[in-house]
């Protein structure tokens, strides 16, 4: 009766490369999301209806990172933090401009800006996450 033996070598290298790959994905994805958020912000500023310019000035990129959970949230927000020169109040009407009210028709700018970038975002993320593993081969 014959017996076969199998010996696997290099598992430490595989493990090290896999760990480096996982650590590299978070920054790669976060970088792409931040770049795209800047593009969405720019597009939204071009699309937003302007009266005083306060709403346009309030459009900004928001980045929140929770390193323990490997989560990076990136978004574009409008409203707040900017004072409307006509009223002297903070810009609190971004949602009403975007979605409308019973008296005002919607004038979407954030949704349109984001939808224009949805496909390019996915392409860039996939490209980054496909290219990234090749660095560790």
N, C-alpha and C. Protein backbone atom coordinates (compact mmCIF):
# COMPACT_ATOMS: atom_id res chain seq x y z
N UNK A 1 0.85 -1.16 0.00
CA UNK A 1 0.00 0.00 0.00
C UNK A 1 0.91 1.24 0.00
N UNK A 2 0.61 2.20 -0.84
CA UNK A 2 1.42 3.40 -0.92
C UNK A 2 0.73 4.55 -0.19
N UNK A 3 1.52 5.50 0.25
CA UNK A 3 0.95 6.67 0.92
C UNK A 3 1.47 7.92 0.24
N UNK A 4 0.67 8.93 0.27
CA UNK A 4 1.05 10.21 -0.35
C UNK A 4 1.20 11.25 0.74
N UNK A 5 2.14 12.15 0.52
CA UNK A 5 2.36 13.24 1.47
C UNK A 5 2.22 14.56 0.72
N UNK A 6 1.63 15.50 1.38
CA UNK A 6 1.47 16.83 0.79
C UNK A 6 2.08 17.83 1.75
N UNK A 7 2.92 18.69 1.19
CA UNK A 7 3.54 19.71 2.03
C UNK A 7 3.28 21.07 1.38
N UNK A 8 2.70 21.97 2.15
CA UNK A 8 2.41 23.32 1.66
C UNK A 8 3.42 24.27 2.27
N UNK A 9 4.09 25.01 1.40
CA UNK A 9 5.06 26.00 1.89
C UNK A 9 4.61 27.39 1.45
N UNK A 10 5.08 28.36 2.17
CA UNK A 10 4.77 29.73 1.80
C UNK A 10 3.46 30.27 2.38
N UNK A 11 2.86 29.54 3.30
CA UNK A 11 1.59 30.01 3.87
C UNK A 11 1.76 31.31 4.63
N UNK A 12 2.90 31.53 5.21
CA UNK A 12 3.13 32.80 5.92
C UNK A 12 3.09 33.97 4.94
N UNK A 13 3.66 33.77 3.75
CA UNK A 13 3.60 34.82 2.73
C UNK A 13 2.16 35.08 2.29
N UNK A 14 1.41 34.01 2.09
CA UNK A 14 0.00 34.15 1.69
C UNK A 14 -0.77 34.91 2.75
N UNK A 15 -0.57 34.53 3.99
CA UNK A 15 -1.26 35.18 5.11
C UNK A 15 -0.89 36.66 5.21
N UNK A 16 0.41 36.96 5.09
CA UNK A 16 0.88 38.35 5.16
C UNK A 16 0.31 39.18 4.02
N UNK A 17 0.33 38.63 2.80
CA UNK A 17 -0.21 39.36 1.65
C UNK A 17 -1.71 39.56 1.76
N UNK A 18 -2.41 38.54 2.27
CA UNK A 18 -3.86 38.68 2.43
C UNK A 18 -4.19 39.77 3.44
N UNK A 19 -3.48 39.81 4.55
CA UNK A 19 -3.71 40.85 5.56
C UNK A 19 -3.41 42.23 5.00
N UNK A 20 -2.33 42.35 4.22
CA UNK A 20 -2.00 43.63 3.60
C UNK A 20 -3.07 44.04 2.59
N UNK A 21 -3.61 43.06 1.87
CA UNK A 21 -4.67 43.33 0.90
C UNK A 21 -5.91 43.88 1.59
N UNK A 22 -6.32 43.24 2.67
CA UNK A 22 -7.51 43.68 3.41
C UNK A 22 -7.29 45.09 3.96
N UNK A 23 -6.10 45.36 4.50
CA UNK A 23 -5.82 46.69 5.03
C UNK A 23 -5.79 47.73 3.92
N UNK A 24 -5.39 47.35 2.73
CA UNK A 24 -5.31 48.28 1.61
C UNK A 24 -6.65 48.61 0.99
N UNK A 25 -7.65 47.74 1.18
CA UNK A 25 -8.96 47.98 0.56
C UNK A 25 -9.67 49.18 1.16
N UNK A 26 -9.63 49.31 2.47
CA UNK A 26 -10.33 50.42 3.13
C UNK A 26 -9.84 51.77 2.62
N UNK A 27 -8.53 52.02 2.64
CA UNK A 27 -8.06 53.32 2.15
C UNK A 27 -8.33 53.53 0.66
N UNK A 28 -8.25 52.47 -0.13
CA UNK A 28 -8.51 52.60 -1.57
C UNK A 28 -9.96 52.99 -1.82
N UNK A 29 -10.87 52.30 -1.16
CA UNK A 29 -12.30 52.60 -1.32
C UNK A 29 -12.61 54.00 -0.79
N UNK A 30 -12.06 54.35 0.36
CA UNK A 30 -12.30 55.68 0.94
C UNK A 30 -11.78 56.77 0.02
N UNK A 31 -10.61 56.56 -0.57
CA UNK A 31 -10.04 57.55 -1.47
C UNK A 31 -10.94 57.78 -2.69
N UNK A 32 -11.43 56.70 -3.28
CA UNK A 32 -12.32 56.82 -4.44
C UNK A 32 -13.61 57.52 -4.04
N UNK A 33 -14.18 57.14 -2.90
CA UNK A 33 -15.43 57.76 -2.46
C UNK A 33 -15.26 59.26 -2.21
N UNK A 34 -14.13 59.64 -1.62
CA UNK A 34 -13.88 61.07 -1.37
C UNK A 34 -13.74 61.83 -2.69
N UNK A 35 -13.03 61.25 -3.64
CA UNK A 35 -12.86 61.90 -4.94
C UNK A 35 -14.20 62.09 -5.63
N UNK A 36 -15.03 61.05 -5.59
CA UNK A 36 -16.34 61.12 -6.23
C UNK A 36 -17.24 62.11 -5.50
N UNK A 37 -17.17 62.13 -4.18
CA UNK A 37 -18.00 63.08 -3.41
C UNK A 37 -17.66 64.51 -3.80
N UNK A 38 -16.38 64.79 -4.04
CA UNK A 38 -16.00 66.14 -4.49
C UNK A 38 -16.62 66.45 -5.85
N UNK A 39 -16.67 65.46 -6.72
CA UNK A 39 -17.29 65.66 -8.04
C UNK A 39 -18.81 65.89 -7.90
N UNK A 40 -19.44 65.11 -7.02
CA UNK A 40 -20.89 65.29 -6.78
C UNK A 40 -21.15 66.67 -6.21
N UNK A 41 -20.32 67.11 -5.27
CA UNK A 41 -20.46 68.44 -4.68
C UNK A 41 -20.38 69.51 -5.77
N UNK A 42 -19.39 69.40 -6.62
CA UNK A 42 -19.21 70.38 -7.71
C UNK A 42 -20.43 70.40 -8.62
N UNK A 43 -20.91 69.22 -8.99
CA UNK A 43 -22.08 69.12 -9.86
C UNK A 43 -23.32 69.70 -9.18
N UNK A 44 -23.51 69.39 -7.90
CA UNK A 44 -24.66 69.90 -7.15
C UNK A 44 -24.63 71.42 -7.09
N UNK A 45 -23.44 71.99 -6.90
CA UNK A 45 -23.32 73.46 -6.85
C UNK A 45 -23.67 74.10 -8.19
N UNK A 46 -23.45 73.36 -9.28
CA UNK A 46 -23.82 73.88 -10.60
C UNK A 46 -25.33 73.75 -10.84
N UNK A 47 -25.96 72.74 -10.24
CA UNK A 47 -27.38 72.47 -10.48
C UNK A 47 -28.32 73.19 -9.52
N UNK A 48 -27.85 73.54 -8.33
CA UNK A 48 -28.74 74.11 -7.31
C UNK A 48 -29.28 75.46 -7.77
N UNK A 49 -30.59 75.69 -7.56
CA UNK A 49 -31.12 77.02 -7.88
C UNK A 49 -30.54 78.05 -6.92
N UNK A 50 -30.24 79.24 -7.43
CA UNK A 50 -29.57 80.25 -6.62
C UNK A 50 -30.44 81.50 -6.49
N UNK A 51 -30.64 81.93 -5.24
CA UNK A 51 -31.27 83.21 -4.95
C UNK A 51 -30.21 84.09 -4.29
N UNK A 52 -29.81 83.68 -3.08
CA UNK A 52 -28.78 84.45 -2.36
C UNK A 52 -27.41 83.79 -2.46
N UNK A 53 -27.38 82.52 -2.83
CA UNK A 53 -26.13 81.77 -2.88
C UNK A 53 -25.82 81.03 -1.59
N UNK A 54 -26.65 81.21 -0.57
CA UNK A 54 -26.39 80.58 0.73
C UNK A 54 -26.55 79.06 0.64
N UNK A 55 -27.56 78.59 -0.08
CA UNK A 55 -27.75 77.15 -0.21
C UNK A 55 -26.57 76.54 -0.98
N UNK A 56 -26.17 77.18 -2.05
CA UNK A 56 -25.02 76.68 -2.82
C UNK A 56 -23.77 76.64 -1.94
N UNK A 57 -23.55 77.67 -1.15
CA UNK A 57 -22.38 77.72 -0.27
C UNK A 57 -22.43 76.65 0.82
N UNK A 58 -23.63 76.17 1.15
CA UNK A 58 -23.76 75.18 2.22
C UNK A 58 -23.49 73.75 1.75
N UNK A 59 -23.36 73.53 0.46
CA UNK A 59 -23.11 72.18 -0.07
C UNK A 59 -21.67 71.80 0.24
N UNK A 60 -21.50 70.65 0.91
CA UNK A 60 -20.18 70.26 1.37
C UNK A 60 -20.05 68.73 1.41
N UNK A 61 -18.81 68.27 1.43
CA UNK A 61 -18.50 66.85 1.56
C UNK A 61 -18.35 66.52 3.04
N UNK A 62 -18.95 65.42 3.45
CA UNK A 62 -18.87 64.96 4.84
C UNK A 62 -18.17 63.61 4.84
N UNK A 63 -17.15 63.46 5.67
CA UNK A 63 -16.44 62.18 5.81
C UNK A 63 -16.45 61.79 7.27
N UNK A 64 -16.93 60.58 7.54
CA UNK A 64 -16.95 60.05 8.89
C UNK A 64 -16.27 58.69 8.86
N UNK A 65 -15.28 58.50 9.68
CA UNK A 65 -14.56 57.24 9.71
C UNK A 65 -14.69 56.58 11.08
N UNK A 66 -15.00 55.30 11.08
CA UNK A 66 -15.00 54.49 12.28
C UNK A 66 -13.99 53.38 12.05
N UNK A 67 -12.77 53.61 12.44
CA UNK A 67 -11.68 52.69 12.12
C UNK A 67 -11.87 51.30 12.73
N UNK A 68 -12.51 51.23 13.88
CA UNK A 68 -12.68 49.92 14.51
C UNK A 68 -13.52 49.00 13.65
N UNK A 69 -14.50 49.55 12.96
CA UNK A 69 -15.37 48.72 12.13
C UNK A 69 -15.01 48.76 10.67
N UNK A 70 -13.87 49.37 10.32
CA UNK A 70 -13.46 49.50 8.92
C UNK A 70 -14.57 50.13 8.09
N UNK A 71 -15.16 51.19 8.61
CA UNK A 71 -16.25 51.87 7.92
C UNK A 71 -15.86 53.30 7.67
N UNK A 72 -15.99 53.73 6.45
CA UNK A 72 -15.81 55.14 6.11
C UNK A 72 -17.07 55.57 5.40
N UNK A 73 -17.74 56.55 5.96
CA UNK A 73 -18.94 57.10 5.32
C UNK A 73 -18.55 58.40 4.66
N UNK A 74 -18.91 58.51 3.40
CA UNK A 74 -18.63 59.72 2.64
C UNK A 74 -19.94 60.16 2.02
N UNK A 75 -20.24 61.43 2.14
CA UNK A 75 -21.48 61.94 1.56
C UNK A 75 -21.37 63.40 1.22
N UNK A 76 -22.42 63.88 0.58
CA UNK A 76 -22.52 65.30 0.25
C UNK A 76 -23.77 65.80 0.94
N UNK A 77 -23.64 66.91 1.64
CA UNK A 77 -24.74 67.45 2.42
C UNK A 77 -24.96 68.91 2.06
N UNK A 78 -26.20 69.36 2.20
CA UNK A 78 -26.53 70.77 1.97
C UNK A 78 -27.37 71.27 3.14
N UNK A 79 -27.25 72.54 3.43
CA UNK A 79 -28.02 73.14 4.50
C UNK A 79 -27.23 73.25 5.78
N UNK A 80 -27.70 74.12 6.67
CA UNK A 80 -27.02 74.33 7.94
C UNK A 80 -25.67 74.99 7.76
N UNK A 81 -25.07 75.43 8.79
CA UNK A 81 -23.72 76.00 8.82
C UNK A 81 -23.54 77.27 7.99
N UNK A 82 -24.49 77.62 7.18
CA UNK A 82 -24.37 78.81 6.34
C UNK A 82 -25.57 79.71 6.65
N UNK A 83 -25.34 81.00 6.78
CA UNK A 83 -26.41 81.95 7.10
C UNK A 83 -26.93 82.56 5.81
N UNK A 84 -28.26 82.55 5.68
CA UNK A 84 -28.90 83.19 4.54
C UNK A 84 -28.88 84.70 4.78
N UNK A 85 -28.26 85.47 3.87
CA UNK A 85 -28.16 86.92 4.09
C UNK A 85 -29.50 87.64 4.09
N UNK A 86 -30.53 87.06 3.45
CA UNK A 86 -31.86 87.70 3.44
C UNK A 86 -32.56 87.58 4.78
N UNK A 87 -32.45 86.38 5.39
CA UNK A 87 -33.20 86.12 6.62
C UNK A 87 -32.34 86.20 7.88
N UNK A 88 -31.04 86.04 7.71
CA UNK A 88 -30.16 86.01 8.88
C UNK A 88 -30.20 84.68 9.61
N UNK A 89 -30.92 83.70 9.06
CA UNK A 89 -31.04 82.37 9.67
C UNK A 89 -30.14 81.37 8.95
N UNK A 90 -29.88 80.28 9.65
CA UNK A 90 -29.14 79.21 8.99
C UNK A 90 -29.95 78.66 7.82
N UNK A 91 -29.24 78.17 6.82
CA UNK A 91 -29.90 77.55 5.67
C UNK A 91 -30.51 76.24 6.14
N UNK A 92 -31.82 76.23 6.26
CA UNK A 92 -32.52 75.04 6.75
C UNK A 92 -33.57 74.56 5.75
N UNK A 93 -33.45 74.99 4.52
CA UNK A 93 -34.47 74.70 3.53
C UNK A 93 -33.97 73.83 2.38
N UNK A 94 -32.81 73.24 2.53
CA UNK A 94 -32.23 72.43 1.45
C UNK A 94 -33.17 71.30 1.04
N UNK A 95 -33.75 70.63 2.01
CA UNK A 95 -34.64 69.51 1.71
C UNK A 95 -35.90 69.98 0.97
N UNK A 96 -36.39 71.19 1.28
CA UNK A 96 -37.59 71.70 0.62
C UNK A 96 -37.30 72.07 -0.83
N UNK A 97 -36.10 72.55 -1.09
CA UNK A 97 -35.72 72.85 -2.47
C UNK A 97 -35.59 71.54 -3.24
N UNK A 98 -34.92 70.57 -2.66
CA UNK A 98 -34.68 69.27 -3.31
C UNK A 98 -35.98 68.53 -3.61
N UNK A 99 -36.87 68.42 -2.62
CA UNK A 99 -38.06 67.57 -2.76
C UNK A 99 -39.36 68.34 -2.94
N UNK A 100 -39.33 69.66 -2.76
CA UNK A 100 -40.53 70.46 -2.91
C UNK A 100 -41.41 70.44 -1.68
N UNK A 101 -42.46 71.23 -1.74
CA UNK A 101 -43.46 71.29 -0.66
C UNK A 101 -44.83 71.30 -1.33
N UNK A 102 -45.86 71.49 -0.54
CA UNK A 102 -47.20 71.56 -1.12
C UNK A 102 -47.36 72.80 -2.00
N UNK A 103 -46.50 73.80 -1.78
CA UNK A 103 -46.58 75.06 -2.55
C UNK A 103 -45.43 75.26 -3.53
N UNK A 104 -44.44 74.41 -3.44
CA UNK A 104 -43.24 74.60 -4.27
C UNK A 104 -42.90 73.30 -4.97
N UNK A 105 -42.65 73.38 -6.26
CA UNK A 105 -42.26 72.17 -7.00
C UNK A 105 -40.82 71.80 -6.65
N UNK A 106 -40.50 70.52 -6.70
CA UNK A 106 -39.13 70.08 -6.40
C UNK A 106 -38.14 70.65 -7.41
N UNK A 107 -36.97 70.97 -6.92
CA UNK A 107 -35.87 71.42 -7.78
C UNK A 107 -34.64 70.59 -7.40
N UNK A 108 -34.67 69.30 -7.77
CA UNK A 108 -33.59 68.41 -7.33
C UNK A 108 -32.23 68.83 -7.87
N UNK A 109 -31.25 68.77 -7.00
CA UNK A 109 -29.87 69.09 -7.37
C UNK A 109 -28.91 68.05 -6.81
N UNK A 110 -29.12 67.62 -5.56
CA UNK A 110 -28.25 66.59 -4.98
C UNK A 110 -28.51 65.23 -5.61
N UNK A 111 -29.77 64.88 -5.74
CA UNK A 111 -30.11 63.58 -6.33
C UNK A 111 -29.63 63.51 -7.77
N UNK A 112 -29.82 64.57 -8.53
CA UNK A 112 -29.35 64.58 -9.91
C UNK A 112 -27.84 64.48 -9.99
N UNK A 113 -27.17 65.23 -9.14
CA UNK A 113 -25.70 65.20 -9.13
C UNK A 113 -25.20 63.80 -8.77
N UNK A 114 -25.80 63.18 -7.76
CA UNK A 114 -25.38 61.84 -7.34
C UNK A 114 -25.69 60.80 -8.40
N UNK A 115 -26.85 60.92 -9.03
CA UNK A 115 -27.22 59.92 -10.04
C UNK A 115 -26.31 60.00 -11.26
N UNK A 116 -25.83 61.19 -11.58
CA UNK A 116 -24.88 61.33 -12.69
C UNK A 116 -23.58 60.60 -12.40
N UNK A 117 -23.24 60.47 -11.13
CA UNK A 117 -21.95 59.87 -10.73
C UNK A 117 -22.07 58.42 -10.30
N UNK A 118 -23.28 57.86 -10.23
CA UNK A 118 -23.47 56.50 -9.71
C UNK A 118 -22.68 55.45 -10.50
N UNK A 119 -22.80 55.44 -11.80
CA UNK A 119 -22.11 54.45 -12.61
C UNK A 119 -20.59 54.67 -12.58
N UNK A 120 -20.12 55.92 -12.75
CA UNK A 120 -18.67 56.11 -12.65
C UNK A 120 -18.10 55.72 -11.28
N UNK A 121 -18.87 55.91 -10.22
CA UNK A 121 -18.41 55.52 -8.88
C UNK A 121 -18.19 54.01 -8.83
N UNK A 122 -19.16 53.25 -9.30
CA UNK A 122 -19.04 51.80 -9.26
C UNK A 122 -17.87 51.33 -10.12
N UNK A 123 -17.70 51.94 -11.28
CA UNK A 123 -16.57 51.56 -12.14
C UNK A 123 -15.24 51.82 -11.44
N UNK A 124 -15.12 53.00 -10.83
CA UNK A 124 -13.86 53.34 -10.16
C UNK A 124 -13.59 52.44 -8.96
N UNK A 125 -14.64 52.16 -8.17
CA UNK A 125 -14.46 51.27 -7.02
C UNK A 125 -14.03 49.88 -7.47
N UNK A 126 -14.71 49.36 -8.48
CA UNK A 126 -14.36 48.03 -8.98
C UNK A 126 -12.94 48.01 -9.52
N UNK A 127 -12.58 49.04 -10.26
CA UNK A 127 -11.23 49.12 -10.82
C UNK A 127 -10.20 49.13 -9.69
N UNK A 128 -10.44 49.93 -8.66
CA UNK A 128 -9.50 50.00 -7.53
C UNK A 128 -9.41 48.66 -6.81
N UNK A 129 -10.55 48.04 -6.59
CA UNK A 129 -10.55 46.81 -5.81
C UNK A 129 -10.09 45.61 -6.62
N UNK A 130 -10.07 45.73 -7.94
CA UNK A 130 -9.52 44.67 -8.79
C UNK A 130 -8.02 44.88 -8.96
N UNK A 131 -7.59 46.11 -9.12
CA UNK A 131 -6.17 46.42 -9.29
C UNK A 131 -5.42 46.18 -7.99
N UNK A 132 -6.04 46.52 -6.87
CA UNK A 132 -5.38 46.39 -5.58
C UNK A 132 -4.82 44.98 -5.32
N UNK A 133 -5.62 43.91 -5.54
CA UNK A 133 -5.07 42.57 -5.27
C UNK A 133 -3.85 42.23 -6.12
N UNK A 134 -3.75 42.78 -7.30
CA UNK A 134 -2.61 42.47 -8.18
C UNK A 134 -1.30 42.96 -7.59
N UNK A 135 -1.36 43.95 -6.73
CA UNK A 135 -0.14 44.46 -6.08
C UNK A 135 0.46 43.43 -5.13
N UNK A 136 -0.35 42.48 -4.70
CA UNK A 136 0.11 41.52 -3.69
C UNK A 136 0.35 40.13 -4.27
N UNK A 137 0.30 40.01 -5.58
CA UNK A 137 0.52 38.70 -6.21
C UNK A 137 2.00 38.49 -6.42
